[in-house]
Amino acid sequence: MDKSALRKEYLEKRNQLDKALIEKWSMKMAFSFFNTFETHQKLVHLFLSIKELNEIQTEVFVNRLFEDDDKVATSITHFNPKRLEHTLINKETTYAKDKYGVPVPSPIISIAEEAIDIVLVPLLCIDFKGNRVGYGQGFYDGFLKKCGENTPKIGLSLFEPIEVEIPINDWDIPLDYCITPNEVYRF
């Protein structure tokens, strides 16, 4: 099965999930993350959820990181040229939605990819080798390539890994871990 077919299938599966179930699973996944990974004195990068798209509710992670006084970063998507800009966020950060419904933080406090210690990565599905299917624009692969060699790349998935091996391209960056509602997988 190719990536576009998997993307379509898992977008449909995700859209059928109940929002209360996504909230419950998001809390379980955050619990697993904080029980598995050390975040103290580390800069954790994560994506900001689009609730209308039934994405994992990453504000659960953000709120806990803020409570623990950890450093938090997110990205702003630019389409011309295609890239992610990374910015620190904190309790005082405000957000406005862009034309795609993505929360955009303000003010922007730019940071380099090399400064990031842990990356939480969005995905639609993942295989047992850490290969993922995302939204298909390649933003995260370009970003992950610039991160430090020892920076853990951790996927967040509402679904367990699939048995089928996801076809990869030269630019695809596999993940090191994936957290699902039921398990933390290491690849």
N, C-alpha and C. Protein backbone atom coordinates (compact mmCIF):
# COMPACT_ATOMS: atom_id res chain seq x y z
N MET A 1 0.85 -1.18 0.00
CA MET A 1 0.00 0.00 0.00
C MET A 1 0.90 1.24 0.00
N ASP A 2 0.58 2.22 -0.83
CA ASP A 2 1.41 3.42 -0.90
C ASP A 2 0.98 4.43 0.17
N LYS A 3 1.83 5.45 0.34
CA LYS A 3 1.59 6.43 1.41
C LYS A 3 0.28 7.19 1.22
N SER A 4 -0.06 7.54 -0.01
CA SER A 4 -1.29 8.31 -0.20
C SER A 4 -2.52 7.49 0.18
N ALA A 5 -2.52 6.19 -0.10
CA ALA A 5 -3.64 5.33 0.30
C ALA A 5 -3.69 5.19 1.82
N LEU A 6 -2.53 5.02 2.45
CA LEU A 6 -2.47 4.94 3.92
C LEU A 6 -2.92 6.26 4.55
N ARG A 7 -2.49 7.37 3.96
CA ARG A 7 -2.88 8.69 4.48
C ARG A 7 -4.41 8.82 4.44
N LYS A 8 -5.01 8.48 3.32
CA LYS A 8 -6.46 8.58 3.18
C LYS A 8 -7.17 7.68 4.19
N GLU A 9 -6.70 6.43 4.31
CA GLU A 9 -7.32 5.47 5.22
C GLU A 9 -7.26 5.95 6.68
N TYR A 10 -6.09 6.45 7.09
CA TYR A 10 -5.94 6.83 8.50
C TYR A 10 -6.56 8.19 8.82
N LEU A 11 -6.65 9.06 7.83
CA LEU A 11 -7.42 10.30 8.04
C LEU A 11 -8.89 9.96 8.28
N GLU A 12 -9.42 9.01 7.50
CA GLU A 12 -10.81 8.59 7.68
C GLU A 12 -11.01 7.92 9.03
N LYS A 13 -10.09 7.05 9.41
CA LYS A 13 -10.19 6.39 10.73
C LYS A 13 -10.17 7.42 11.86
N ARG A 14 -9.25 8.37 11.76
CA ARG A 14 -9.14 9.39 12.80
C ARG A 14 -10.40 10.25 12.86
N ASN A 15 -10.94 10.60 11.72
CA ASN A 15 -12.15 11.43 11.68
C ASN A 15 -13.35 10.74 12.30
N GLN A 16 -13.33 9.42 12.36
CA GLN A 16 -14.44 8.66 12.95
C GLN A 16 -14.34 8.53 14.46
N LEU A 17 -13.20 8.92 15.02
CA LEU A 17 -13.02 8.80 16.47
C LEU A 17 -13.82 9.87 17.21
N ASP A 18 -14.34 9.48 18.34
CA ASP A 18 -15.07 10.39 19.21
C ASP A 18 -14.10 11.34 19.90
N LYS A 19 -14.45 12.61 19.99
CA LYS A 19 -13.56 13.61 20.60
C LYS A 19 -13.26 13.30 22.07
N ALA A 20 -14.22 12.74 22.78
CA ALA A 20 -13.97 12.37 24.18
C ALA A 20 -12.93 11.24 24.26
N LEU A 21 -12.97 10.33 23.31
CA LEU A 21 -11.99 9.24 23.28
C LEU A 21 -10.59 9.80 22.96
N ILE A 22 -10.51 10.73 22.04
CA ILE A 22 -9.23 11.36 21.71
C ILE A 22 -8.67 12.07 22.94
N GLU A 23 -9.54 12.75 23.68
CA GLU A 23 -9.09 13.42 24.90
C GLU A 23 -8.55 12.41 25.91
N LYS A 24 -9.26 11.32 26.10
CA LYS A 24 -8.82 10.27 27.03
C LYS A 24 -7.48 9.68 26.57
N TRP A 25 -7.37 9.35 25.29
CA TRP A 25 -6.14 8.77 24.77
C TRP A 25 -4.99 9.77 24.85
N SER A 26 -5.26 11.04 24.60
CA SER A 26 -4.21 12.06 24.69
C SER A 26 -3.64 12.12 26.10
N MET A 27 -4.50 12.03 27.09
CA MET A 27 -4.03 12.05 28.48
C MET A 27 -3.21 10.80 28.79
N LYS A 28 -3.64 9.64 28.29
CA LYS A 28 -2.87 8.40 28.49
C LYS A 28 -1.49 8.50 27.84
N MET A 29 -1.45 9.08 26.64
CA MET A 29 -0.19 9.20 25.92
C MET A 29 0.75 10.19 26.62
N ALA A 30 0.20 11.26 27.14
CA ALA A 30 1.01 12.21 27.90
C ALA A 30 1.57 11.54 29.15
N PHE A 31 0.75 10.77 29.84
CA PHE A 31 1.20 10.04 31.02
C PHE A 31 2.37 9.12 30.64
N SER A 32 2.23 8.39 29.54
CA SER A 32 3.31 7.49 29.08
C SER A 32 4.57 8.27 28.74
N PHE A 33 4.40 9.41 28.08
CA PHE A 33 5.56 10.23 27.72
C PHE A 33 6.32 10.66 28.96
N PHE A 34 5.63 11.22 29.93
CA PHE A 34 6.32 11.75 31.11
C PHE A 34 6.86 10.65 32.02
N ASN A 35 6.33 9.45 31.91
CA ASN A 35 6.87 8.33 32.69
C ASN A 35 8.03 7.64 31.98
N THR A 36 8.23 7.93 30.70
CA THR A 36 9.27 7.27 29.92
C THR A 36 10.46 8.17 29.64
N PHE A 37 10.21 9.46 29.43
CA PHE A 37 11.27 10.37 28.99
C PHE A 37 11.53 11.46 30.03
N GLU A 38 12.78 11.75 30.22
CA GLU A 38 13.19 12.81 31.15
C GLU A 38 13.14 14.15 30.41
N THR A 39 12.38 15.08 30.93
CA THR A 39 12.23 16.39 30.27
C THR A 39 12.87 17.53 31.06
N HIS A 40 13.26 17.27 32.29
CA HIS A 40 13.83 18.32 33.14
C HIS A 40 15.06 18.94 32.48
N GLN A 41 15.09 20.26 32.41
CA GLN A 41 16.20 21.01 31.82
C GLN A 41 16.40 20.71 30.33
N LYS A 42 15.33 20.23 29.67
CA LYS A 42 15.42 19.95 28.24
C LYS A 42 14.44 20.81 27.48
N LEU A 43 14.74 21.05 26.22
CA LEU A 43 13.85 21.79 25.34
C LEU A 43 13.05 20.78 24.52
N VAL A 44 11.74 20.74 24.77
CA VAL A 44 10.85 19.79 24.10
C VAL A 44 10.08 20.52 23.00
N HIS A 45 10.18 19.99 21.80
CA HIS A 45 9.46 20.55 20.65
C HIS A 45 8.24 19.67 20.38
N LEU A 46 7.09 20.33 20.19
CA LEU A 46 5.90 19.58 19.80
C LEU A 46 5.03 20.40 18.87
N PHE A 47 4.13 19.72 18.22
CA PHE A 47 3.20 20.38 17.31
C PHE A 47 1.97 20.81 18.10
N LEU A 48 1.33 21.86 17.64
CA LEU A 48 0.10 22.33 18.27
C LEU A 48 -1.08 21.74 17.52
N SER A 49 -1.99 21.14 18.25
CA SER A 49 -3.10 20.39 17.65
C SER A 49 -4.12 21.27 16.97
N ILE A 50 -4.74 20.68 15.96
CA ILE A 50 -5.92 21.27 15.32
C ILE A 50 -7.09 20.38 15.76
N LYS A 51 -7.81 20.83 16.77
CA LYS A 51 -8.87 19.99 17.35
C LYS A 51 -9.93 19.60 16.32
N GLU A 52 -10.22 20.52 15.39
CA GLU A 52 -11.25 20.24 14.40
C GLU A 52 -10.89 19.06 13.49
N LEU A 53 -9.60 18.72 13.44
CA LEU A 53 -9.14 17.59 12.62
C LEU A 53 -8.98 16.31 13.43
N ASN A 54 -9.47 16.32 14.68
CA ASN A 54 -9.38 15.14 15.55
C ASN A 54 -7.93 14.71 15.82
N GLU A 55 -7.03 15.68 15.90
CA GLU A 55 -5.65 15.35 16.21
C GLU A 55 -5.48 15.10 17.71
N ILE A 56 -4.39 14.44 18.04
CA ILE A 56 -4.02 14.25 19.44
C ILE A 56 -3.98 15.62 20.10
N GLN A 57 -4.47 15.71 21.30
CA GLN A 57 -4.55 16.99 22.01
C GLN A 57 -3.23 17.26 22.73
N THR A 58 -2.33 17.92 22.04
CA THR A 58 -1.00 18.15 22.60
C THR A 58 -0.98 19.20 23.71
N GLU A 59 -2.08 19.92 23.91
CA GLU A 59 -2.09 20.89 25.02
C GLU A 59 -1.93 20.17 26.37
N VAL A 60 -2.29 18.90 26.43
CA VAL A 60 -2.07 18.12 27.65
C VAL A 60 -0.57 18.05 27.94
N PHE A 61 0.23 17.83 26.91
CA PHE A 61 1.68 17.78 27.06
C PHE A 61 2.21 19.18 27.41
N VAL A 62 1.75 20.19 26.67
CA VAL A 62 2.21 21.56 26.89
C VAL A 62 1.96 22.01 28.32
N ASN A 63 0.74 21.77 28.79
CA ASN A 63 0.39 22.21 30.16
C ASN A 63 1.29 21.56 31.20
N ARG A 64 1.56 20.28 31.05
CA ARG A 64 2.44 19.58 32.01
C ARG A 64 3.86 20.12 31.91
N LEU A 65 4.35 20.35 30.70
CA LEU A 65 5.70 20.90 30.54
C LEU A 65 5.80 22.27 31.20
N PHE A 66 4.77 23.09 31.04
CA PHE A 66 4.76 24.40 31.69
C PHE A 66 4.72 24.26 33.21
N GLU A 67 3.90 23.34 33.72
CA GLU A 67 3.82 23.11 35.17
C GLU A 67 5.18 22.73 35.74
N ASP A 68 5.94 21.94 34.96
CA ASP A 68 7.25 21.47 35.40
C ASP A 68 8.37 22.47 35.11
N ASP A 69 8.00 23.65 34.60
CA ASP A 69 8.97 24.68 34.21
C ASP A 69 9.99 24.19 33.19
N ASP A 70 9.54 23.29 32.30
CA ASP A 70 10.39 22.84 31.21
C ASP A 70 10.31 23.83 30.06
N LYS A 71 11.29 23.79 29.19
CA LYS A 71 11.31 24.66 28.02
C LYS A 71 10.53 23.98 26.90
N VAL A 72 9.71 24.77 26.20
CA VAL A 72 8.83 24.22 25.16
C VAL A 72 8.99 25.03 23.88
N ALA A 73 8.98 24.32 22.76
CA ALA A 73 9.04 24.96 21.45
C ALA A 73 8.00 24.34 20.53
N THR A 74 7.63 25.09 19.51
CA THR A 74 6.74 24.59 18.47
C THR A 74 7.20 25.19 17.15
N SER A 75 6.47 24.89 16.09
CA SER A 75 6.84 25.36 14.76
C SER A 75 5.76 26.22 14.15
N ILE A 76 6.19 27.07 13.25
CA ILE A 76 5.30 27.84 12.40
C ILE A 76 5.59 27.38 10.98
N THR A 77 4.55 27.03 10.25
CA THR A 77 4.70 26.51 8.90
C THR A 77 4.72 27.65 7.88
N HIS A 78 5.75 27.62 7.05
CA HIS A 78 5.86 28.58 5.94
C HIS A 78 5.83 27.77 4.64
N PHE A 79 5.05 28.25 3.68
CA PHE A 79 4.90 27.51 2.43
C PHE A 79 5.74 28.05 1.28
N ASN A 80 6.25 29.28 1.40
CA ASN A 80 7.04 29.82 0.31
C ASN A 80 8.20 30.63 0.86
N PRO A 81 9.40 30.08 0.95
CA PRO A 81 9.72 28.70 0.63
C PRO A 81 9.22 27.76 1.73
N LYS A 82 9.09 26.50 1.38
CA LYS A 82 8.54 25.49 2.27
C LYS A 82 9.53 25.19 3.40
N ARG A 83 9.12 25.55 4.64
CA ARG A 83 10.00 25.31 5.79
C ARG A 83 9.21 25.48 7.08
N LEU A 84 9.81 25.00 8.16
CA LEU A 84 9.27 25.23 9.50
C LEU A 84 10.18 26.22 10.21
N GLU A 85 9.58 27.18 10.87
CA GLU A 85 10.31 28.11 11.74
C GLU A 85 9.99 27.69 13.18
N HIS A 86 11.00 27.62 14.01
CA HIS A 86 10.82 27.13 15.37
C HIS A 86 10.86 28.29 16.36
N THR A 87 9.96 28.21 17.35
CA THR A 87 9.86 29.28 18.32
C THR A 87 9.61 28.70 19.71
N LEU A 88 10.14 29.38 20.71
CA LEU A 88 9.84 29.03 22.09
C LEU A 88 8.42 29.50 22.41
N ILE A 89 7.75 28.77 23.28
CA ILE A 89 6.44 29.20 23.79
C ILE A 89 6.47 29.07 25.30
N ASN A 90 5.60 29.85 25.97
CA ASN A 90 5.50 29.77 27.42
C ASN A 90 4.05 30.07 27.82
N LYS A 91 3.82 30.18 29.11
CA LYS A 91 2.45 30.39 29.61
C LYS A 91 1.84 31.69 29.09
N GLU A 92 2.65 32.66 28.78
CA GLU A 92 2.14 33.96 28.32
C GLU A 92 1.94 34.03 26.81
N THR A 93 2.37 33.02 26.09
CA THR A 93 2.23 33.02 24.63
C THR A 93 0.76 33.06 24.25
N THR A 94 0.45 33.86 23.24
CA THR A 94 -0.91 33.90 22.69
C THR A 94 -0.88 33.23 21.32
N TYR A 95 -2.06 32.85 20.83
CA TYR A 95 -2.15 32.11 19.58
C TYR A 95 -3.26 32.68 18.70
N ALA A 96 -3.00 32.70 17.40
CA ALA A 96 -4.00 33.03 16.40
C ALA A 96 -3.96 31.90 15.37
N LYS A 97 -5.09 31.52 14.83
CA LYS A 97 -5.11 30.43 13.85
C LYS A 97 -4.79 30.96 12.45
N ASP A 98 -3.98 30.17 11.73
CA ASP A 98 -3.70 30.54 10.34
C ASP A 98 -4.84 30.05 9.45
N LYS A 99 -4.70 30.19 8.14
CA LYS A 99 -5.79 29.83 7.23
C LYS A 99 -6.10 28.33 7.21
N TYR A 100 -5.20 27.51 7.75
CA TYR A 100 -5.43 26.07 7.83
C TYR A 100 -5.93 25.63 9.20
N GLY A 101 -6.11 26.58 10.11
CA GLY A 101 -6.57 26.27 11.45
C GLY A 101 -5.46 25.93 12.42
N VAL A 102 -4.21 26.09 12.00
CA VAL A 102 -3.06 25.79 12.86
C VAL A 102 -2.83 26.96 13.82
N PRO A 103 -2.71 26.68 15.12
CA PRO A 103 -2.40 27.76 16.07
C PRO A 103 -0.99 28.32 15.82
N VAL A 104 -0.90 29.62 15.66
CA VAL A 104 0.38 30.29 15.43
C VAL A 104 0.70 31.13 16.66
N PRO A 105 1.83 30.85 17.32
CA PRO A 105 2.17 31.57 18.55
C PRO A 105 2.68 32.97 18.31
N SER A 106 2.48 33.81 19.33
CA SER A 106 3.01 35.16 19.32
C SER A 106 3.38 35.51 20.77
N PRO A 107 4.52 36.10 21.02
CA PRO A 107 5.52 36.53 20.05
C PRO A 107 6.35 35.34 19.56
N ILE A 108 7.08 35.56 18.47
CA ILE A 108 7.98 34.54 17.94
C ILE A 108 9.35 34.75 18.55
N ILE A 109 9.84 33.70 19.20
CA ILE A 109 11.18 33.71 19.80
C ILE A 109 11.95 32.58 19.12
N SER A 110 12.59 32.90 18.01
CA SER A 110 13.21 31.90 17.15
C SER A 110 14.29 31.10 17.85
N ILE A 111 14.34 29.82 17.50
CA ILE A 111 15.39 28.93 17.99
C ILE A 111 15.84 28.04 16.84
N ALA A 112 17.05 27.53 16.94
CA ALA A 112 17.61 26.63 15.93
C ALA A 112 17.25 25.19 16.26
N GLU A 113 17.18 24.38 15.22
CA GLU A 113 16.85 22.96 15.40
C GLU A 113 17.84 22.27 16.33
N GLU A 114 19.10 22.67 16.26
CA GLU A 114 20.15 22.03 17.06
C GLU A 114 19.95 22.24 18.56
N ALA A 115 19.16 23.24 18.94
CA ALA A 115 18.92 23.53 20.36
C ALA A 115 17.86 22.62 20.97
N ILE A 116 17.14 21.90 20.13
CA ILE A 116 16.01 21.07 20.59
C ILE A 116 16.52 19.73 21.11
N ASP A 117 16.03 19.34 22.28
CA ASP A 117 16.47 18.10 22.92
C ASP A 117 15.56 16.90 22.63
N ILE A 118 14.26 17.13 22.50
CA ILE A 118 13.29 16.08 22.25
C ILE A 118 12.26 16.62 21.26
N VAL A 119 11.88 15.79 20.27
CA VAL A 119 10.86 16.21 19.30
C VAL A 119 9.68 15.24 19.35
N LEU A 120 8.48 15.78 19.55
CA LEU A 120 7.24 15.00 19.44
C LEU A 120 6.68 15.26 18.04
N VAL A 121 6.49 14.18 17.28
CA VAL A 121 6.21 14.27 15.86
C VAL A 121 4.77 13.84 15.55
N PRO A 122 4.06 14.64 14.74
CA PRO A 122 2.72 14.23 14.32
C PRO A 122 2.80 13.14 13.26
N LEU A 123 1.78 12.30 13.21
CA LEU A 123 1.72 11.28 12.17
C LEU A 123 0.30 10.74 12.08
N LEU A 124 0.04 10.05 10.98
CA LEU A 124 -1.26 9.40 10.80
C LEU A 124 -1.14 7.91 11.08
N CYS A 125 -0.05 7.30 10.61
CA CYS A 125 0.22 5.90 10.94
C CYS A 125 1.72 5.66 10.87
N ILE A 126 2.15 4.55 11.48
CA ILE A 126 3.57 4.22 11.58
C ILE A 126 3.71 2.71 11.47
N ASP A 127 4.86 2.25 10.96
CA ASP A 127 5.10 0.81 10.91
C ASP A 127 6.05 0.41 12.04
N PHE A 128 6.39 -0.87 12.11
CA PHE A 128 7.24 -1.35 13.20
C PHE A 128 8.73 -1.05 13.01
N LYS A 129 9.07 -0.30 11.96
CA LYS A 129 10.45 0.14 11.76
C LYS A 129 10.62 1.63 12.06
N GLY A 130 9.52 2.29 12.46
CA GLY A 130 9.59 3.71 12.76
C GLY A 130 9.33 4.61 11.57
N ASN A 131 8.93 4.03 10.44
CA ASN A 131 8.58 4.83 9.27
C ASN A 131 7.15 5.31 9.41
N ARG A 132 6.92 6.59 9.13
CA ARG A 132 5.60 7.16 9.36
C ARG A 132 4.98 7.72 8.10
N VAL A 133 3.68 7.88 8.17
CA VAL A 133 2.93 8.62 7.16
C VAL A 133 2.39 9.85 7.86
N GLY A 134 2.76 11.02 7.35
CA GLY A 134 2.25 12.28 7.87
C GLY A 134 1.28 12.87 6.88
N TYR A 135 1.25 14.19 6.83
CA TYR A 135 0.33 14.88 5.92
C TYR A 135 0.88 14.95 4.49
N GLY A 136 2.13 14.56 4.28
CA GLY A 136 2.65 14.44 2.93
C GLY A 136 3.35 15.65 2.36
N GLN A 137 3.66 16.62 3.18
CA GLN A 137 4.34 17.82 2.68
C GLN A 137 5.85 17.80 2.91
N GLY A 138 6.32 16.89 3.77
CA GLY A 138 7.75 16.77 4.01
C GLY A 138 8.34 17.77 4.99
N PHE A 139 7.49 18.58 5.64
CA PHE A 139 8.00 19.59 6.57
C PHE A 139 8.81 18.95 7.70
N TYR A 140 8.27 17.90 8.31
CA TYR A 140 8.95 17.31 9.46
C TYR A 140 10.21 16.56 9.06
N ASP A 141 10.24 15.92 7.91
CA ASP A 141 11.46 15.24 7.49
C ASP A 141 12.60 16.24 7.34
N GLY A 142 12.31 17.39 6.74
CA GLY A 142 13.34 18.43 6.61
C GLY A 142 13.81 18.94 7.96
N PHE A 143 12.87 19.09 8.88
CA PHE A 143 13.18 19.54 10.24
C PHE A 143 14.01 18.50 10.99
N LEU A 144 13.57 17.25 10.97
CA LEU A 144 14.24 16.19 11.73
C LEU A 144 15.67 15.97 11.25
N LYS A 145 15.90 16.19 9.98
CA LYS A 145 17.24 16.04 9.41
C LYS A 145 18.21 17.04 10.04
N LYS A 146 17.71 18.20 10.47
CA LYS A 146 18.55 19.25 11.03
C LYS A 146 18.74 19.12 12.55
N CYS A 147 17.97 18.26 13.18
CA CYS A 147 18.08 18.07 14.63
C CYS A 147 19.38 17.33 14.96
N GLY A 148 19.79 17.44 16.20
CA GLY A 148 20.99 16.74 16.65
C GLY A 148 20.84 15.23 16.49
N GLU A 149 21.96 14.59 16.27
CA GLU A 149 21.98 13.14 16.04
C GLU A 149 21.36 12.36 17.20
N ASN A 150 21.52 12.85 18.43
CA ASN A 150 21.00 12.15 19.60
C ASN A 150 19.65 12.67 20.07
N THR A 151 19.02 13.52 19.29
CA THR A 151 17.70 14.05 19.65
C THR A 151 16.65 12.97 19.43
N PRO A 152 15.96 12.50 20.48
CA PRO A 152 14.92 11.50 20.28
C PRO A 152 13.77 12.07 19.46
N LYS A 153 13.39 11.31 18.44
CA LYS A 153 12.27 11.66 17.57
C LYS A 153 11.13 10.72 17.95
N ILE A 154 10.09 11.28 18.57
CA ILE A 154 9.04 10.48 19.18
C ILE A 154 7.70 10.78 18.50
N GLY A 155 7.15 9.79 17.83
CA GLY A 155 5.85 9.95 17.19
C GLY A 155 4.72 9.83 18.19
N LEU A 156 3.64 10.53 17.91
CA LEU A 156 2.41 10.41 18.70
C LEU A 156 1.33 9.87 17.77
N SER A 157 0.82 8.69 18.06
CA SER A 157 -0.14 8.04 17.17
C SER A 157 -1.37 7.57 17.93
N LEU A 158 -2.51 7.86 17.37
CA LEU A 158 -3.77 7.35 17.95
C LEU A 158 -3.96 5.87 17.64
N PHE A 159 -3.15 5.34 16.73
CA PHE A 159 -3.29 3.95 16.30
C PHE A 159 -1.99 3.19 16.52
N GLU A 160 -2.12 1.89 16.74
CA GLU A 160 -0.95 1.03 16.90
C GLU A 160 -0.20 0.94 15.57
N PRO A 161 1.10 0.59 15.60
CA PRO A 161 1.84 0.43 14.35
C PRO A 161 1.18 -0.59 13.43
N ILE A 162 1.33 -0.36 12.14
CA ILE A 162 0.72 -1.26 11.16
C ILE A 162 1.71 -2.36 10.78
N GLU A 163 1.19 -3.51 10.40
CA GLU A 163 2.03 -4.66 10.02
C GLU A 163 2.71 -4.44 8.68
N VAL A 164 2.07 -3.68 7.79
CA VAL A 164 2.62 -3.41 6.47
C VAL A 164 3.78 -2.44 6.59
N GLU A 165 4.88 -2.73 5.88
CA GLU A 165 6.02 -1.81 5.90
C GLU A 165 5.69 -0.60 5.01
N ILE A 166 5.83 0.57 5.56
CA ILE A 166 5.54 1.81 4.83
C ILE A 166 6.69 2.06 3.85
N PRO A 167 6.36 2.31 2.58
CA PRO A 167 7.42 2.61 1.62
C PRO A 167 8.10 3.95 1.98
N ILE A 168 9.42 3.99 1.85
CA ILE A 168 10.15 5.20 2.23
C ILE A 168 10.87 5.80 1.02
N ASN A 169 11.14 7.08 1.13
CA ASN A 169 11.93 7.81 0.15
C ASN A 169 13.27 8.16 0.77
N ASP A 170 14.19 8.63 -0.04
CA ASP A 170 15.53 8.98 0.45
C ASP A 170 15.50 10.04 1.54
N TRP A 171 14.51 10.94 1.50
CA TRP A 171 14.45 12.05 2.45
C TRP A 171 13.69 11.72 3.73
N ASP A 172 13.05 10.55 3.80
CA ASP A 172 12.27 10.18 4.98
C ASP A 172 13.19 9.90 6.17
N ILE A 173 12.82 10.42 7.31
CA ILE A 173 13.58 10.22 8.54
C ILE A 173 12.74 9.32 9.46
N PRO A 174 13.24 8.12 9.79
CA PRO A 174 12.48 7.25 10.70
C PRO A 174 12.50 7.79 12.13
N LEU A 175 11.50 7.41 12.88
CA LEU A 175 11.41 7.83 14.28
C LEU A 175 12.13 6.85 15.18
N ASP A 176 12.49 7.31 16.37
CA ASP A 176 13.15 6.46 17.36
C ASP A 176 12.14 5.76 18.26
N TYR A 177 11.01 6.44 18.49
CA TYR A 177 9.96 5.93 19.39
C TYR A 177 8.60 6.33 18.83
N CYS A 178 7.58 5.65 19.32
CA CYS A 178 6.21 6.07 19.04
C CYS A 178 5.37 5.76 20.27
N ILE A 179 4.58 6.75 20.67
CA ILE A 179 3.66 6.57 21.80
C ILE A 179 2.26 6.45 21.24
N THR A 180 1.58 5.37 21.62
CA THR A 180 0.18 5.17 21.28
C THR A 180 -0.62 5.17 22.58
N PRO A 181 -1.93 5.10 22.52
CA PRO A 181 -2.69 5.04 23.77
C PRO A 181 -2.36 3.81 24.62
N ASN A 182 -1.79 2.77 24.00
CA ASN A 182 -1.56 1.52 24.72
C ASN A 182 -0.09 1.20 25.03
N GLU A 183 0.85 1.86 24.34
CA GLU A 183 2.24 1.40 24.46
C GLU A 183 3.21 2.50 24.00
N VAL A 184 4.47 2.33 24.46
CA VAL A 184 5.58 3.13 23.93
C VAL A 184 6.46 2.16 23.16
N TYR A 185 6.59 2.39 21.86
CA TYR A 185 7.39 1.53 20.99
C TYR A 185 8.76 2.17 20.77
N ARG A 186 9.78 1.32 20.75
CA ARG A 186 11.14 1.78 20.43
C ARG A 186 11.57 1.07 19.15
N PHE A 187 12.14 1.83 18.23
CA PHE A 187 12.53 1.24 16.94
C PHE A 187 14.04 1.15 16.82
